[in-house]
Amino acid sequence: MPLTNHFSESQMFPNGTGAGIVLEAVDLCMTFEEGGGNKLEILKNINLTVKTGEKVAIVGASGSGKSTLLHLLGGLDKPTSGQVFINEEDMVRMSEKKRCRVRNNYMGFVYQFHHLLAEFTAEENVAMPALVRGTSPAQALNKAGMLLDKVGMTRRVKHKPAELSGGERQRAAIARAVINEPRCICADEPTGNLDKATAEQVVQVLLRLNKEFATSLIVVTHDMELARKMDTIYSIDNGQLKAL
């Protein structure tokens, strides 16, 4: 979909495509306390490097730690030990306030459930992260409208989530994830609630945005067909990450 005449693509994403490493995990471990003082080791010495524009899939059985790892990589949780560097900043050692700011600046998130706010339109939902960042309402809504156009929702910008199909909600969630020009998108089962045809449409939106803006993509999925569309596939087994 073409952009409107208000902004060029470079103006929408002034950070450019960049180069080098976007995200790096070093010796990540995650342990949970169980009843009786027992410890459950979910992740063991995970090391992972994600380059600019790279597409990475993480697969594994239910309960293997895929979502836990994604949350650590996105700075949503802190590991028991190890480090996570996003844009060369150590997410583990910084304050919660700074971690929130770094997430807002450099990361985008897409989940199995869209998490759109029911009382707001698609355009308003997409604009939210930009508003949190301090962008003026007029600019945020303008950019949100252009991104919704780009994901094929030109005529749905004023509709609320209840008025959208499952695929439309997920496309709006993807537009929301990229509005702050993130260097990396973390997607947790982004097609898990969709039928096959709709899921393929959503995947194509993700792949197109990845290609156009060189935004790195980390996808946790049970769907090997989706995983095979990525550049690299990793599997989590017994708490360890292995390249397939």
C-alpha atoms as a PDB file:
ATOM      1  CA  MET A   1       0.000   0.000   0.000  1.00  0.00           C
ATOM      2  CA  PRO A   2       1.383   3.441  -0.886  1.00  0.00           C
ATOM      3  CA  LEU A   3       1.963   6.002   1.825  1.00  0.00           C
ATOM      4  CA  THR A   4      -0.070   9.171   1.773  1.00  0.00           C
ATOM      5  CA  ASN A   5       1.495  12.367   0.504  1.00  0.00           C
ATOM      6  CA  HIS A   6       1.884  13.842   3.993  1.00  0.00           C
ATOM      7  CA  PHE A   7       5.173  12.088   4.779  1.00  0.00           C
ATOM      8  CA  SER A   8       7.848  10.235   2.866  1.00  0.00           C
ATOM      9  CA  GLU A   9       8.867   6.813   4.165  1.00  0.00           C
ATOM     10  CA  SER A  10      12.142   8.245   5.442  1.00  0.00           C
ATOM     11  CA  GLN A  11      10.215  10.849   7.422  1.00  0.00           C
ATOM     12  CA  MET A  12       8.015   8.165   8.977  1.00  0.00           C
ATOM     13  CA  PHE A  13      11.044   6.090   9.981  1.00  0.00           C
ATOM     14  CA  PRO A  14      13.914   8.587  10.338  1.00  0.00           C
ATOM     15  CA  ASN A  15      16.127   6.127  12.217  1.00  0.00           C
ATOM     16  CA  GLY A  16      16.796   4.376   8.926  1.00  0.00           C
ATOM     17  CA  THR A  17      17.665   0.715   8.546  1.00  0.00           C
ATOM     18  CA  GLY A  18      20.870   0.879  10.547  1.00  0.00           C
ATOM     19  CA  ALA A  19      23.346  -1.961  10.718  1.00  0.00           C
ATOM     20  CA  GLY A  20      24.879  -4.465  13.070  1.00  0.00           C
ATOM     21  CA  ILE A  21      23.471  -6.121  16.167  1.00  0.00           C
ATOM     22  CA  VAL A  22      20.100  -5.011  17.529  1.00  0.00           C
ATOM     23  CA  LEU A  23      19.699  -7.457  20.407  1.00  0.00           C
ATOM     24  CA  GLU A  24      22.028  -9.781  22.266  1.00  0.00           C
ATOM     25  CA  ALA A  25      21.374 -12.204  25.108  1.00  0.00           C
ATOM     26  CA  VAL A  26      24.343 -13.433  27.120  1.00  0.00           C
ATOM     27  CA  ASP A  27      24.165 -16.476  29.428  1.00  0.00           C
ATOM     28  CA  LEU A  28      20.480 -15.963  30.252  1.00  0.00           C
ATOM     29  CA  CYS A  29      19.129 -18.173  33.017  1.00  0.00           C
ATOM     30  CA  MET A  30      15.628 -18.203  34.458  1.00  0.00           C
ATOM     31  CA  THR A  31      14.652 -20.153  37.546  1.00  0.00           C
ATOM     32  CA  PHE A  32      11.289 -20.244  39.317  1.00  0.00           C
ATOM     33  CA  GLU A  33      10.643 -21.209  42.918  1.00  0.00           C
ATOM     34  CA  GLU A  34       8.234 -24.106  43.381  1.00  0.00           C
ATOM     35  CA  GLY A  35       6.460 -25.240  46.522  1.00  0.00           C
ATOM     36  CA  GLY A  36       8.616 -26.845  49.169  1.00  0.00           C
ATOM     37  CA  GLY A  37      11.635 -24.748  48.255  1.00  0.00           C
ATOM     38  CA  ASN A  38      12.271 -26.584  44.986  1.00  0.00           C
ATOM     39  CA  LYS A  39      13.664 -24.645  42.037  1.00  0.00           C
ATOM     40  CA  LEU A  40      12.518 -25.102  38.444  1.00  0.00           C
ATOM     41  CA  GLU A  41      15.181 -24.149  35.916  1.00  0.00           C
ATOM     42  CA  ILE A  42      13.330 -22.924  32.793  1.00  0.00           C
ATOM     43  CA  LEU A  43      16.199 -21.432  30.778  1.00  0.00           C
ATOM     44  CA  LYS A  44      19.856 -22.408  30.995  1.00  0.00           C
ATOM     45  CA  ASN A  45      22.668 -20.191  29.707  1.00  0.00           C
ATOM     46  CA  ILE A  46      20.836 -18.892  26.640  1.00  0.00           C
ATOM     47  CA  ASN A  47      22.980 -16.970  24.149  1.00  0.00           C
ATOM     48  CA  LEU A  48      21.396 -15.262  21.151  1.00  0.00           C
ATOM     49  CA  THR A  49      22.327 -12.484  18.734  1.00  0.00           C
ATOM     50  CA  VAL A  50      19.798 -10.765  16.465  1.00  0.00           C
ATOM     51  CA  LYS A  51      21.028  -8.523  13.653  1.00  0.00           C
ATOM     52  CA  THR A  52      19.315  -5.573  12.023  1.00  0.00           C
ATOM     53  CA  GLY A  53      16.464  -6.794   9.846  1.00  0.00           C
ATOM     54  CA  GLU A  54      16.953 -10.452  10.811  1.00  0.00           C
ATOM     55  CA  LYS A  55      13.916 -12.704  11.189  1.00  0.00           C
ATOM     56  CA  VAL A  56      14.176 -15.256  13.999  1.00  0.00           C
ATOM     57  CA  ALA A  57      11.729 -18.004  14.981  1.00  0.00           C
ATOM     58  CA  ILE A  58      11.753 -19.710  18.379  1.00  0.00           C
ATOM     59  CA  VAL A  59       9.871 -23.012  18.545  1.00  0.00           C
ATOM     60  CA  GLY A  60       9.397 -25.661  21.198  1.00  0.00           C
ATOM     61  CA  ALA A  61       6.830 -27.650  23.120  1.00  0.00           C
ATOM     62  CA  SER A  62       4.274 -25.983  25.371  1.00  0.00           C
ATOM     63  CA  GLY A  63       5.924 -25.067  28.653  1.00  0.00           C
ATOM     64  CA  SER A  64       9.422 -25.175  27.180  1.00  0.00           C
ATOM     65  CA  GLY A  65      10.094 -21.513  28.015  1.00  0.00           C
ATOM     66  CA  LYS A  66       9.522 -19.843  24.630  1.00  0.00           C
ATOM     67  CA  SER A  67       7.349 -17.020  25.932  1.00  0.00           C
ATOM     68  CA  THR A  68       9.539 -16.638  29.011  1.00  0.00           C
ATOM     69  CA  LEU A  69      12.553 -16.128  26.754  1.00  0.00           C
ATOM     70  CA  LEU A  70      10.687 -13.631  24.575  1.00  0.00           C
ATOM     71  CA  HIS A  71       9.692 -11.612  27.641  1.00  0.00           C
ATOM     72  CA  LEU A  72      13.318 -11.521  28.771  1.00  0.00           C
ATOM     73  CA  LEU A  73      14.532 -10.482  25.309  1.00  0.00           C
ATOM     74  CA  GLY A  74      11.939  -7.711  25.198  1.00  0.00           C
ATOM     75  CA  GLY A  75      12.843  -6.391  28.630  1.00  0.00           C
ATOM     76  CA  LEU A  76       9.430  -7.268  30.070  1.00  0.00           C
ATOM     77  CA  ASP A  77      10.956  -9.509  32.743  1.00  0.00           C
ATOM     78  CA  LYS A  78      14.374  -9.783  34.377  1.00  0.00           C
ATOM     79  CA  PRO A  79      16.376 -13.027  34.252  1.00  0.00           C
ATOM     80  CA  THR A  80      17.708 -14.849  37.287  1.00  0.00           C
ATOM     81  CA  SER A  81      21.148 -14.230  35.806  1.00  0.00           C
ATOM     82  CA  GLY A  82      22.654 -13.097  32.512  1.00  0.00           C
ATOM     83  CA  GLN A  83      22.345  -9.978  30.387  1.00  0.00           C
ATOM     84  CA  VAL A  84      20.161  -8.627  27.588  1.00  0.00           C
ATOM     85  CA  PHE A  85      21.501  -5.824  25.404  1.00  0.00           C
ATOM     86  CA  ILE A  86      19.099  -3.843  23.235  1.00  0.00           C
ATOM     87  CA  ASN A  87      20.712  -1.260  20.997  1.00  0.00           C
ATOM     88  CA  GLU A  88      23.849  -1.797  23.131  1.00  0.00           C
ATOM     89  CA  GLU A  89      22.043  -0.934  26.378  1.00  0.00           C
ATOM     90  CA  ASP A  90      21.954  -3.473  29.218  1.00  0.00           C
ATOM     91  CA  MET A  91      18.273  -3.965  30.039  1.00  0.00           C
ATOM     92  CA  VAL A  92      18.946  -6.069  33.132  1.00  0.00           C
ATOM     93  CA  ARG A  93      20.998  -3.540  35.059  1.00  0.00           C
ATOM     94  CA  MET A  94      19.008  -0.392  34.307  1.00  0.00           C
ATOM     95  CA  SER A  95      16.182   1.024  36.404  1.00  0.00           C
ATOM     96  CA  GLU A  96      12.566   0.072  35.686  1.00  0.00           C
ATOM     97  CA  LYS A  97      11.847   3.623  34.511  1.00  0.00           C
ATOM     98  CA  LYS A  98      14.688   3.544  31.990  1.00  0.00           C
ATOM     99  CA  ARG A  99      13.764   0.011  30.907  1.00  0.00           C
ATOM    100  CA  CYS A 100      10.239   1.218  30.076  1.00  0.00           C
ATOM    101  CA  ARG A 101      11.704   4.075  28.054  1.00  0.00           C
ATOM    102  CA  VAL A 102      14.061   1.768  26.151  1.00  0.00           C
ATOM    103  CA  ARG A 103      11.200  -0.653  25.382  1.00  0.00           C
ATOM    104  CA  ASN A 104       9.088   2.220  24.085  1.00  0.00           C
ATOM    105  CA  ASN A 105      11.939   3.539  21.941  1.00  0.00           C
ATOM    106  CA  TYR A 106      13.401   0.348  20.496  1.00  0.00           C
ATOM    107  CA  MET A 107      10.916  -2.518  20.848  1.00  0.00           C
ATOM    108  CA  GLY A 108       7.498  -3.404  19.471  1.00  0.00           C
ATOM    109  CA  PHE A 109       5.262  -6.201  20.759  1.00  0.00           C
ATOM    110  CA  VAL A 110       2.581  -8.347  19.108  1.00  0.00           C
ATOM    111  CA  TYR A 111       0.729 -11.011  21.085  1.00  0.00           C
ATOM    112  CA  GLN A 112      -1.633 -13.879  20.333  1.00  0.00           C
ATOM    113  CA  PHE A 113      -4.439 -11.679  21.647  1.00  0.00           C
ATOM    114  CA  HIS A 114      -4.414  -8.193  20.154  1.00  0.00           C
ATOM    115  CA  HIS A 115      -4.832  -6.275  23.463  1.00  0.00           C
ATOM    116  CA  LEU A 116      -6.536  -3.344  21.755  1.00  0.00           C
ATOM    117  CA  LEU A 117      -8.438  -1.037  24.091  1.00  0.00           C
ATOM    118  CA  ALA A 118     -12.166  -1.499  23.483  1.00  0.00           C
ATOM    119  CA  GLU A 119     -13.191   2.116  24.013  1.00  0.00           C
ATOM    120  CA  PHE A 120     -10.779   3.529  21.400  1.00  0.00           C
ATOM    121  CA  THR A 121     -10.764   3.378  17.604  1.00  0.00           C
ATOM    122  CA  ALA A 122      -8.149   1.452  15.645  1.00  0.00           C
ATOM    123  CA  GLU A 123      -6.407   4.741  14.864  1.00  0.00           C
ATOM    124  CA  GLU A 124      -6.358   5.772  18.521  1.00  0.00           C
ATOM    125  CA  ASN A 125      -5.080   2.353  19.627  1.00  0.00           C
ATOM    126  CA  VAL A 126      -2.232   2.468  17.122  1.00  0.00           C
ATOM    127  CA  ALA A 127      -1.314   5.995  18.230  1.00  0.00           C
ATOM    128  CA  MET A 128      -1.023   5.069  21.936  1.00  0.00           C
ATOM    129  CA  PRO A 129       2.713   4.207  22.062  1.00  0.00           C
ATOM    130  CA  ALA A 130       3.559   7.426  20.213  1.00  0.00           C
ATOM    131  CA  LEU A 131       1.473   9.455  22.655  1.00  0.00           C
ATOM    132  CA  VAL A 132       3.260   7.777  25.581  1.00  0.00           C
ATOM    133  CA  ARG A 133       6.539   8.758  23.947  1.00  0.00           C
ATOM    134  CA  GLY A 134       5.452  12.414  23.890  1.00  0.00           C
ATOM    135  CA  THR A 135       4.434  12.796  20.253  1.00  0.00           C
ATOM    136  CA  SER A 136       1.697  15.378  19.755  1.00  0.00           C
ATOM    137  CA  PRO A 137      -1.811  13.916  19.319  1.00  0.00           C
ATOM    138  CA  ALA A 138      -2.116  15.321  15.793  1.00  0.00           C
ATOM    139  CA  GLN A 139       1.180  13.776  14.666  1.00  0.00           C
ATOM    140  CA  ALA A 140       0.511  10.472  16.417  1.00  0.00           C
ATOM    141  CA  LEU A 141      -2.938  10.082  14.856  1.00  0.00           C
ATOM    142  CA  ASN A 142      -1.640  11.106  11.437  1.00  0.00           C
ATOM    143  CA  LYS A 143       1.113   8.508  11.587  1.00  0.00           C
ATOM    144  CA  ALA A 144      -1.300   5.883  12.954  1.00  0.00           C
ATOM    145  CA  GLY A 145      -3.604   6.489  10.002  1.00  0.00           C
ATOM    146  CA  MET A 146      -0.759   6.033   7.540  1.00  0.00           C
ATOM    147  CA  LEU A 147       0.366   2.802   9.164  1.00  0.00           C
ATOM    148  CA  LEU A 148      -3.181   1.439   9.147  1.00  0.00           C
ATOM    149  CA  ASP A 149      -3.298   2.293   5.452  1.00  0.00           C
ATOM    150  CA  LYS A 150      -0.061   0.388   5.025  1.00  0.00           C
ATOM    151  CA  VAL A 151      -1.490  -2.760   6.653  1.00  0.00           C
ATOM    152  CA  GLY A 152      -4.638  -2.626   4.530  1.00  0.00           C
ATOM    153  CA  MET A 153      -7.046  -0.945   6.944  1.00  0.00           C
ATOM    154  CA  THR A 154      -7.631   2.405   5.259  1.00  0.00           C
ATOM    155  CA  ARG A 155     -11.390   2.189   5.673  1.00  0.00           C
ATOM    156  CA  ARG A 156     -11.324   0.853   9.220  1.00  0.00           C
ATOM    157  CA  VAL A 157      -9.343   3.530  11.072  1.00  0.00           C
ATOM    158  CA  LYS A 158     -12.392   4.912  12.911  1.00  0.00           C
ATOM    159  CA  HIS A 159     -13.764   1.503  13.892  1.00  0.00           C
ATOM    160  CA  LYS A 160     -13.475   0.183  17.430  1.00  0.00           C
ATOM    161  CA  PRO A 161     -12.100  -3.335  18.102  1.00  0.00           C
ATOM    162  CA  ALA A 162     -15.577  -4.878  18.464  1.00  0.00           C
ATOM    163  CA  GLU A 163     -16.306  -3.743  14.898  1.00  0.00           C
ATOM    164  CA  LEU A 164     -13.171  -5.378  13.458  1.00  0.00           C
ATOM    165  CA  SER A 165     -12.498  -8.954  12.400  1.00  0.00           C
ATOM    166  CA  GLY A 166      -9.813 -11.017  14.137  1.00  0.00           C
ATOM    167  CA  GLY A 167      -7.379 -10.423  11.314  1.00  0.00           C
ATOM    168  CA  GLU A 168      -8.067  -6.689  11.293  1.00  0.00           C
ATOM    169  CA  ARG A 169      -7.470  -6.473  15.024  1.00  0.00           C
ATOM    170  CA  GLN A 170      -4.148  -8.240  14.651  1.00  0.00           C
ATOM    171  CA  ARG A 171      -3.106  -5.978  11.773  1.00  0.00           C
ATOM    172  CA  ALA A 172      -3.948  -2.979  13.945  1.00  0.00           C
ATOM    173  CA  ALA A 173      -1.810  -4.508  16.704  1.00  0.00           C
ATOM    174  CA  ILE A 174       1.084  -4.825  14.257  1.00  0.00           C
ATOM    175  CA  ALA A 175       0.681  -1.188  13.191  1.00  0.00           C
ATOM    176  CA  ARG A 176       0.736  -0.210  16.873  1.00  0.00           C
ATOM    177  CA  ALA A 177       3.932  -2.233  17.367  1.00  0.00           C
ATOM    178  CA  VAL A 178       5.828  -0.313  14.675  1.00  0.00           C
ATOM    179  CA  ILE A 179       4.608   3.248  15.241  1.00  0.00           C
ATOM    180  CA  ASN A 180       7.638   4.211  17.344  1.00  0.00           C
ATOM    181  CA  GLU A 181      10.053   2.908  14.706  1.00  0.00           C
ATOM    182  CA  PRO A 182      11.319  -0.014  16.805  1.00  0.00           C
ATOM    183  CA  ARG A 183      14.539  -1.755  15.974  1.00  0.00           C
ATOM    184  CA  CYS A 184      12.981  -5.099  16.895  1.00  0.00           C
ATOM    185  CA  ILE A 185       9.485  -6.598  17.092  1.00  0.00           C
ATOM    186  CA  CYS A 186       8.769  -9.439  19.522  1.00  0.00           C
ATOM    187  CA  ALA A 187       5.754 -11.496  18.399  1.00  0.00           C
ATOM    188  CA  ASP A 188       4.298 -14.192  20.673  1.00  0.00           C
ATOM    189  CA  GLU A 189       2.111 -16.608  18.680  1.00  0.00           C
ATOM    190  CA  PRO A 190       0.854 -13.715  16.487  1.00  0.00           C
ATOM    191  CA  THR A 191      -1.353 -16.025  14.397  1.00  0.00           C
ATOM    192  CA  GLY A 192      -2.456 -18.383  17.167  1.00  0.00           C
ATOM    193  CA  ASN A 193      -6.086 -17.191  17.258  1.00  0.00           C
ATOM    194  CA  LEU A 194      -6.567 -16.898  13.498  1.00  0.00           C
ATOM    195  CA  ASP A 195      -7.773 -19.247  10.779  1.00  0.00           C
ATOM    196  CA  LYS A 196      -5.190 -20.323   8.211  1.00  0.00           C
ATOM    197  CA  ALA A 197      -6.110 -17.816   5.495  1.00  0.00           C
ATOM    198  CA  THR A 198      -6.251 -14.871   7.891  1.00  0.00           C
ATOM    199  CA  ALA A 199      -3.034 -16.000   9.582  1.00  0.00           C
ATOM    200  CA  GLU A 200      -1.237 -15.943   6.239  1.00  0.00           C
ATOM    201  CA  GLN A 201      -2.425 -12.384   5.608  1.00  0.00           C
ATOM    202  CA  VAL A 202      -1.107 -11.296   9.004  1.00  0.00           C
ATOM    203  CA  VAL A 203       2.226 -13.036   8.398  1.00  0.00           C
ATOM    204  CA  GLN A 204       2.614 -11.257   5.078  1.00  0.00           C
ATOM    205  CA  VAL A 205       2.053  -7.909   6.814  1.00  0.00           C
ATOM    206  CA  LEU A 206       4.819  -8.710   9.301  1.00  0.00           C
ATOM    207  CA  LEU A 207       7.195  -9.839   6.571  1.00  0.00           C
ATOM    208  CA  ARG A 208       6.504  -6.771   4.440  1.00  0.00           C
ATOM    209  CA  LEU A 209       7.191  -4.367   7.299  1.00  0.00           C
ATOM    210  CA  ASN A 210      10.333  -6.317   8.200  1.00  0.00           C
ATOM    211  CA  LYS A 211      11.584  -5.975   4.623  1.00  0.00           C
ATOM    212  CA  GLU A 212      10.650  -2.337   4.107  1.00  0.00           C
ATOM    213  CA  PHE A 213      11.963  -0.950   7.393  1.00  0.00           C
ATOM    214  CA  ALA A 214      14.633  -3.550   8.293  1.00  0.00           C
ATOM    215  CA  THR A 215      12.966  -3.991  11.677  1.00  0.00           C
ATOM    216  CA  SER A 216      14.221  -7.216  13.240  1.00  0.00           C
ATOM    217  CA  LEU A 217      11.573  -9.809  14.013  1.00  0.00           C
ATOM    218  CA  ILE A 218      11.563 -12.440  16.773  1.00  0.00           C
ATOM    219  CA  VAL A 219       8.589 -14.797  16.549  1.00  0.00           C
ATOM    220  CA  VAL A 220       7.614 -17.425  19.115  1.00  0.00           C
ATOM    221  CA  THR A 221       5.364 -19.956  17.419  1.00  0.00           C
ATOM    222  CA  HIS A 222       4.078 -23.534  17.328  1.00  0.00           C
ATOM    223  CA  ASP A 223       3.542 -23.132  13.581  1.00  0.00           C
ATOM    224  CA  MET A 224       6.495 -24.596  11.682  1.00  0.00           C
ATOM    225  CA  GLU A 225       5.133 -23.193   8.424  1.00  0.00           C
ATOM    226  CA  LEU A 226       5.474 -19.712   9.910  1.00  0.00           C
ATOM    227  CA  ALA A 227       8.847 -20.558  11.445  1.00  0.00           C
ATOM    228  CA  ARG A 228      10.216 -21.597   8.051  1.00  0.00           C
ATOM    229  CA  LYS A 229       9.531 -18.089   6.723  1.00  0.00           C
ATOM    230  CA  MET A 230      12.151 -16.725   9.127  1.00  0.00           C
ATOM    231  CA  ASP A 231      15.892 -16.490   8.418  1.00  0.00           C
ATOM    232  CA  THR A 232      16.853 -18.582  11.446  1.00  0.00           C
ATOM    233  CA  ILE A 233      14.945 -21.116  13.529  1.00  0.00           C
ATOM    234  CA  TYR A 234      15.840 -21.956  17.116  1.00  0.00           C
ATOM    235  CA  SER A 235      14.328 -24.642  19.305  1.00  0.00           C
ATOM    236  CA  ILE A 236      14.117 -24.640  23.097  1.00  0.00           C
ATOM    237  CA  ASP A 237      14.611 -28.086  24.580  1.00  0.00           C
ATOM    238  CA  ASN A 238      15.374 -28.802  28.226  1.00  0.00           C
ATOM    239  CA  GLY A 239      15.976 -25.103  28.803  1.00  0.00           C
ATOM    240  CA  GLN A 240      18.603 -24.754  26.101  1.00  0.00           C
ATOM    241  CA  LEU A 241      18.438 -22.904  22.780  1.00  0.00           C
ATOM    242  CA  LYS A 242      19.570 -24.781  19.683  1.00  0.00           C
ATOM    243  CA  ALA A 243      19.672 -23.715  16.037  1.00  0.00           C
ATOM    244  CA  LEU A 244      17.721 -25.994  13.702  1.00  0.00           C
END
